[in-house]
Amino acid sequence: MVSHALSINKVSINKNVQLDGLFPQFPKLAPELRLLVWTHTWPAPRMIESALCEHEIAPDEYRDIIILRFAGPLSVVLDDDWFLSKAVEEGPLVHCRPPVSLQVCRESRMHTLSHYRRIEHTAAKEGSFYFNPYRDVLWLSTDFTDVPEYLQQLTQCYGEQLNGIETLLVGEAQWDETTPAQFTSSYLEPFGGLEAILLLLYTDDEDGYEGTEDGEDAENADGENGGGVGGLGSDRGEVEARELHARADKFKADYTEFSEHHKRPAKSFRCVDSSLTFY
C-alpha cells in the first residue's frame, strides 16, 4: 500500500537501470518526492475495451475468444469518431505499454502496484494486463452488448477480477434504448465493484445521435441566417450545450428514480461528451 511504500527510505535500483548516472541525487530525495516522480511516469487514463482474439486451442487449431484490452489513451480514443462504431474484431487505436515504473526498481514497482492491479484472462495472455481502477475506464461497445455470449465469456474467463473495474463508460444510444433496470440486469451484474457510470452524450456530428427538435431548429436557423454574427447560427454552440445539459438532467433524474427502488450498480452517475466535459 502507499503507506508501506512511503516507509522505504532507500531506493533499491534494478541492476539493469543506472539511475545514479542519470540523476545522482535521486536516492537522496525525500521518499514522498520520489513517489511523486514515479506517479508522474504513469500512463494517462486509458480506455479498456472488449475484443475478439484468435486463440490457439491446439496445434494449428484456433478459435475466437473475447478478451479485455486497452483501446488507447482515453482522450485520444474519444477524439476519434471511429471508436463509436468499432467492431470487436478490429485492433486497438493505440497500443498501450505497461507502466514503466513496474520495471525500474523495487520502490517504483511497489508504489505502482499499490495503485495498479493485474487482471488475467484464463486462456489468452493478450487479455492480461495491469490497469489502474481509479484512472482507466471500461467501454462497453454496441458490438459487444449485441451478443450476450460475449459477456458470458468475459465472466467465465475473468470471474471476480471484473469486480476490480470501478468506472464504466456507456454510450447514450445504448443506455437510452432500454431502462436503467434492464441495462443493469443485462450487462452490469458481473461488475460488482463499480463506483461510477459515465454516460457518453452524443453530439449531432457523432454516430448514434439522431438529433432533436432543438438541434434541428438550430441547424435551420444557421442556414437561413447564413451563420452571420447577428444570426441565430452564431448561437448553435450555446443551443447544443443547453440541449446536452437537458438530456443529461433527464438521464440523471431517471437514474436517481431507479436508485430509489433498486440497488444502484454504481454510486456515481455522470454524463460527459467526447471532450470529457461533464454535464
Protein backbone atom coordinates (compact mmCIF):
# COMPACT_ATOMS: atom_id res chain seq x y z
CA MET A 1 0.00 0.00 0.00
CA VAL A 2 1.00 3.66 -0.22
CA SER A 3 1.90 3.89 3.48
CA HIS A 4 4.20 0.90 3.06
CA ALA A 5 5.88 2.45 0.04
CA LEU A 6 6.42 5.70 1.97
CA SER A 7 8.36 3.81 4.59
CA ILE A 8 11.11 2.99 2.08
CA ASN A 9 13.98 5.38 2.67
CA LYS A 10 16.48 3.91 0.26
CA VAL A 11 15.94 3.27 -3.42
CA SER A 12 16.62 -0.32 -4.48
CA ILE A 13 17.75 0.05 -8.09
CA ASN A 14 17.42 -2.73 -10.62
CA LYS A 15 20.89 -3.78 -11.68
CA ASN A 16 19.99 -3.09 -15.32
CA VAL A 17 18.96 0.51 -14.63
CA GLN A 18 21.68 3.06 -13.84
CA LEU A 19 19.67 5.85 -12.22
CA ASP A 20 22.70 7.08 -10.27
CA GLY A 21 24.42 8.06 -13.51
CA LEU A 22 21.38 9.95 -14.77
CA PHE A 23 20.36 11.69 -11.55
CA PRO A 24 22.87 11.01 -8.77
CA GLN A 25 20.85 12.88 -6.14
CA PHE A 26 17.61 10.99 -6.76
CA PRO A 27 18.13 8.37 -3.99
CA LYS A 28 18.71 11.23 -1.53
CA LEU A 29 15.33 12.86 -2.19
CA ALA A 30 12.61 12.53 0.42
CA PRO A 31 10.55 9.34 -0.12
CA GLU A 32 7.43 11.42 -0.77
CA LEU A 33 9.17 13.26 -3.63
CA ARG A 34 10.47 10.06 -5.16
CA LEU A 35 6.97 8.61 -5.14
CA LEU A 36 5.67 11.72 -6.90
CA VAL A 37 8.27 11.16 -9.61
CA TRP A 38 7.13 7.57 -10.10
CA THR A 39 3.50 8.69 -10.17
CA HIS A 40 4.26 11.15 -12.98
CA THR A 41 5.55 8.28 -15.12
CA TRP A 42 2.18 6.52 -15.09
CA PRO A 43 0.12 6.44 -18.29
CA ALA A 44 -2.72 8.88 -18.81
CA PRO A 45 -6.22 7.38 -18.27
CA ARG A 46 -6.86 4.65 -20.82
CA MET A 47 -9.93 3.02 -22.28
CA ILE A 48 -10.41 -0.71 -21.72
CA GLU A 49 -12.41 -2.40 -24.46
CA SER A 50 -13.72 -5.86 -25.25
CA ALA A 51 -12.26 -7.51 -28.34
CA LEU A 52 -12.16 -10.81 -30.17
CA CYS A 53 -8.84 -12.60 -30.03
CA GLU A 54 -7.77 -15.54 -32.18
CA HIS A 55 -6.63 -18.14 -29.65
CA GLU A 56 -4.76 -21.35 -30.39
CA ILE A 57 -6.53 -24.22 -28.62
CA ALA A 58 -4.46 -26.97 -30.30
CA PRO A 59 -1.65 -27.10 -32.88
CA ASP A 60 -2.95 -25.31 -35.98
CA GLU A 61 -6.42 -25.05 -34.43
CA TYR A 62 -7.79 -21.65 -33.47
CA ARG A 63 -10.99 -20.15 -32.19
CA ASP A 64 -12.12 -16.61 -31.40
CA ILE A 65 -12.48 -15.71 -27.73
CA ILE A 66 -13.49 -12.43 -26.14
CA ILE A 67 -10.93 -10.56 -24.07
CA LEU A 68 -10.40 -7.20 -22.42
CA ARG A 69 -7.54 -4.99 -23.57
CA PHE A 70 -6.62 -1.33 -23.92
CA ALA A 71 -8.06 0.58 -26.88
CA GLY A 72 -5.73 3.53 -26.26
CA PRO A 73 -5.49 6.68 -24.13
CA LEU A 74 -8.99 7.79 -23.16
CA SER A 75 -8.68 11.32 -24.57
CA VAL A 76 -7.27 10.02 -27.87
CA VAL A 77 -9.93 7.35 -28.33
CA LEU A 78 -12.83 9.69 -27.51
CA ASP A 79 -11.49 12.20 -30.03
CA ASP A 80 -11.75 9.61 -32.81
CA ASP A 81 -15.21 9.02 -34.30
CA TRP A 82 -14.11 5.52 -35.29
CA PHE A 83 -14.44 4.06 -31.81
CA LEU A 84 -18.21 4.64 -31.59
CA SER A 85 -18.89 2.11 -34.33
CA LYS A 86 -15.81 -0.05 -33.78
CA ALA A 87 -16.24 -3.81 -34.20
CA VAL A 88 -14.81 -6.23 -31.66
CA GLU A 89 -12.74 -7.82 -34.43
CA GLU A 90 -10.78 -4.60 -35.03
CA GLY A 91 -7.47 -3.78 -33.39
CA PRO A 92 -6.84 -1.07 -30.80
CA LEU A 93 -6.42 2.54 -31.84
CA VAL A 94 -3.17 2.86 -29.87
CA HIS A 95 -1.13 0.05 -28.33
CA CYS A 96 -0.59 0.78 -24.64
CA ARG A 97 2.50 -0.38 -22.78
CA PRO A 98 2.54 -1.29 -19.07
CA PRO A 99 3.69 1.45 -16.68
CA VAL A 100 7.46 1.72 -16.99
CA SER A 101 7.69 2.17 -13.22
CA LEU A 102 6.87 -1.52 -12.81
CA GLN A 103 10.35 -2.32 -14.12
CA VAL A 104 12.66 0.41 -12.80
CA CYS A 105 13.35 -0.56 -9.19
CA ARG A 106 11.76 -2.12 -6.14
CA GLU A 107 10.43 1.18 -4.81
CA SER A 108 8.86 2.22 -8.13
CA ARG A 109 7.28 -1.20 -8.57
CA MET A 110 5.85 -1.32 -5.05
CA HIS A 111 4.40 2.16 -5.40
CA THR A 112 2.88 1.36 -8.78
CA LEU A 113 1.40 -1.93 -7.56
CA SER A 114 -0.28 -0.05 -4.71
CA HIS A 115 -2.44 1.65 -7.39
CA TYR A 116 -2.46 -0.78 -10.31
CA ARG A 117 -3.98 -4.25 -10.47
CA ARG A 118 -3.26 -7.11 -12.79
CA ILE A 119 -6.23 -8.72 -14.48
CA GLU A 120 -5.58 -12.10 -16.09
CA HIS A 121 -7.54 -13.96 -18.74
CA THR A 122 -7.63 -17.68 -18.04
CA ALA A 123 -6.67 -18.62 -21.60
CA ALA A 124 -5.26 -15.69 -23.59
CA LYS A 125 -2.23 -13.71 -22.46
CA GLU A 126 -3.38 -10.89 -24.76
CA GLY A 127 -6.22 -10.35 -22.31
CA SER A 128 -3.95 -9.96 -19.28
CA PHE A 129 -2.63 -6.53 -18.26
CA TYR A 130 -2.10 -4.02 -15.45
CA PHE A 131 -4.74 -1.33 -15.04
CA ASN A 132 -5.48 1.47 -12.61
CA PRO A 133 -9.06 1.26 -11.25
CA TYR A 134 -9.01 4.97 -10.43
CA ARG A 135 -7.90 6.13 -13.88
CA ASP A 136 -8.75 3.54 -16.53
CA VAL A 137 -12.29 3.21 -17.89
CA LEU A 138 -14.17 0.23 -19.32
CA TRP A 139 -16.13 0.84 -22.54
CA LEU A 140 -18.99 -1.48 -23.49
CA SER A 141 -19.43 -1.10 -27.24
CA THR A 142 -22.66 -1.77 -29.10
CA ASP A 143 -20.90 -4.58 -30.94
CA PHE A 144 -20.22 -6.19 -27.55
CA THR A 145 -23.62 -5.70 -25.92
CA ASP A 146 -25.42 -7.01 -29.01
CA VAL A 147 -24.01 -10.51 -28.37
CA PRO A 148 -24.97 -11.86 -24.89
CA GLU A 149 -22.43 -14.69 -25.22
CA TYR A 150 -19.58 -12.17 -25.10
CA LEU A 151 -20.45 -11.10 -21.55
CA GLN A 152 -20.80 -14.74 -20.52
CA GLN A 153 -17.32 -15.45 -21.87
CA LEU A 154 -15.85 -12.48 -20.04
CA THR A 155 -17.41 -13.65 -16.80
CA GLN A 156 -16.10 -17.18 -17.26
CA CYS A 157 -12.57 -16.08 -18.15
CA TYR A 158 -12.11 -13.24 -15.63
CA GLY A 159 -14.52 -14.16 -12.84
CA GLU A 160 -14.34 -11.97 -9.74
CA GLN A 161 -11.49 -9.95 -11.22
CA LEU A 162 -14.17 -7.92 -13.02
CA ASN A 163 -15.11 -6.50 -9.62
CA GLY A 164 -11.86 -4.55 -9.75
CA ILE A 165 -13.19 -2.33 -12.55
CA GLU A 166 -14.56 0.84 -10.98
CA THR A 167 -15.55 3.11 -13.89
CA LEU A 168 -17.76 2.21 -16.84
CA LEU A 169 -18.32 4.32 -19.96
CA VAL A 170 -21.50 3.60 -21.92
CA GLY A 171 -22.93 5.30 -24.99
CA GLU A 172 -26.10 7.34 -24.84
CA ALA A 173 -27.80 5.30 -27.56
CA GLN A 174 -27.21 2.03 -25.69
CA TRP A 175 -28.42 3.41 -22.37
CA ASP A 176 -31.43 5.19 -23.85
CA GLU A 177 -32.80 2.19 -25.77
CA THR A 178 -33.66 0.44 -22.51
CA THR A 179 -34.26 1.30 -18.85
CA PRO A 180 -31.59 1.58 -16.13
CA ALA A 181 -33.01 -1.57 -14.53
CA GLN A 182 -32.85 -3.55 -17.78
CA PHE A 183 -29.36 -2.32 -18.64
CA THR A 184 -28.13 -3.20 -15.16
CA SER A 185 -29.56 -6.72 -15.20
CA SER A 186 -28.37 -7.36 -18.76
CA TYR A 187 -24.80 -6.04 -18.59
CA LEU A 188 -23.64 -4.81 -15.19
CA GLU A 189 -24.09 -7.70 -12.78
CA PRO A 190 -20.55 -9.09 -13.33
CA PHE A 191 -19.07 -5.71 -12.37
CA GLY A 192 -19.82 -5.64 -8.67
CA GLY A 193 -17.17 -3.06 -7.82
CA LEU A 194 -18.42 -0.20 -10.00
CA GLU A 195 -18.06 3.21 -8.42
CA ALA A 196 -19.06 5.37 -11.38
CA ILE A 197 -21.03 5.13 -14.61
CA LEU A 198 -20.13 7.71 -17.25
CA LEU A 199 -22.79 8.22 -19.89
CA LEU A 200 -21.28 9.45 -23.15
CA LEU A 201 -23.58 12.05 -24.69
CA TYR A 202 -23.52 12.14 -28.49
CA THR A 203 -23.48 15.36 -30.45
CA ASP A 204 -25.07 15.89 -33.87
CA ASP A 205 -21.83 15.03 -35.69
CA GLU A 206 -21.32 11.68 -33.96
CA ASP A 207 -22.72 8.26 -34.74
CA GLY A 208 -25.68 7.20 -32.64
CA TYR A 209 -27.21 10.65 -32.43
CA GLU A 210 -30.30 11.38 -34.47
CA GLY A 211 -30.87 14.97 -33.48
CA THR A 212 -33.69 16.60 -31.56
CA GLU A 213 -36.13 19.35 -32.27
CA ASP A 214 -33.82 21.99 -30.78
CA GLY A 215 -30.85 20.74 -32.75
CA GLU A 216 -32.81 20.76 -35.99
CA ASP A 217 -34.08 24.26 -35.35
CA ALA A 218 -30.57 25.48 -34.74
CA GLU A 219 -29.39 23.92 -37.99
CA ASN A 220 -32.25 25.53 -39.93
CA ALA A 221 -31.58 28.87 -38.34
CA ASP A 222 -27.92 28.59 -39.27
CA GLY A 223 -28.87 28.07 -42.90
CA GLU A 224 -31.43 30.86 -43.00
CA ASN A 225 -29.19 33.42 -41.37
CA GLY A 226 -26.02 32.43 -43.18
CA GLY A 227 -24.20 31.82 -39.91
CA GLY A 228 -23.65 35.59 -39.56
CA VAL A 229 -22.58 37.23 -36.36
CA GLY A 230 -26.03 38.64 -35.76
CA GLY A 231 -27.88 35.48 -36.80
CA LEU A 232 -29.07 32.57 -34.72
CA GLY A 233 -26.37 30.43 -36.34
CA SER A 234 -23.78 32.10 -34.13
CA ASP A 235 -25.59 30.63 -31.10
CA ARG A 236 -25.53 27.00 -32.24
CA GLY A 237 -22.85 26.16 -29.69
CA GLU A 238 -24.97 27.56 -26.87
CA VAL A 239 -28.07 25.77 -28.15
CA GLU A 240 -26.20 22.47 -28.32
CA ALA A 241 -24.78 22.97 -24.82
CA ARG A 242 -28.27 23.64 -23.41
CA GLU A 243 -29.55 20.57 -25.20
CA LEU A 244 -26.77 18.40 -23.76
CA HIS A 245 -27.46 19.74 -20.27
CA ALA A 246 -31.17 19.00 -20.70
CA ARG A 247 -30.51 15.43 -21.82
CA ALA A 248 -28.01 14.93 -19.01
CA ASP A 249 -30.51 16.19 -16.43
CA LYS A 250 -33.11 13.73 -17.74
CA PHE A 251 -30.71 10.77 -17.59
CA LYS A 252 -29.54 11.69 -14.09
CA ALA A 253 -33.12 12.10 -12.89
CA ASP A 254 -34.03 8.68 -14.32
CA TYR A 255 -31.04 7.12 -12.58
CA THR A 256 -31.96 8.77 -9.27
CA GLU A 257 -35.52 7.45 -9.56
CA PHE A 258 -34.19 3.99 -10.42
CA SER A 259 -31.88 4.08 -7.39
CA GLU A 260 -34.78 4.76 -5.06
CA HIS A 261 -36.32 1.39 -5.90
CA HIS A 262 -33.33 -0.77 -6.86
CA LYS A 263 -29.80 -1.42 -5.73
CA ARG A 264 -27.56 1.03 -7.55
CA PRO A 265 -24.97 -0.61 -9.84
CA ALA A 266 -22.65 2.35 -9.15
CA LYS A 267 -22.52 5.11 -6.54
CA SER A 268 -21.99 7.86 -9.10
CA PHE A 269 -23.77 8.53 -12.40
CA ARG A 270 -22.40 11.34 -14.56
CA CYS A 271 -22.76 12.50 -18.16
CA VAL A 272 -19.85 13.53 -20.36
CA ASP A 273 -19.22 14.36 -24.01
CA SER A 274 -16.31 13.25 -26.18
CA SER A 275 -14.19 16.19 -24.96
CA LEU A 276 -14.66 14.91 -21.37
CA THR A 277 -16.82 17.88 -20.43
CA PHE A 278 -19.22 16.93 -17.64
CA TYR A 279 -22.91 17.84 -17.68
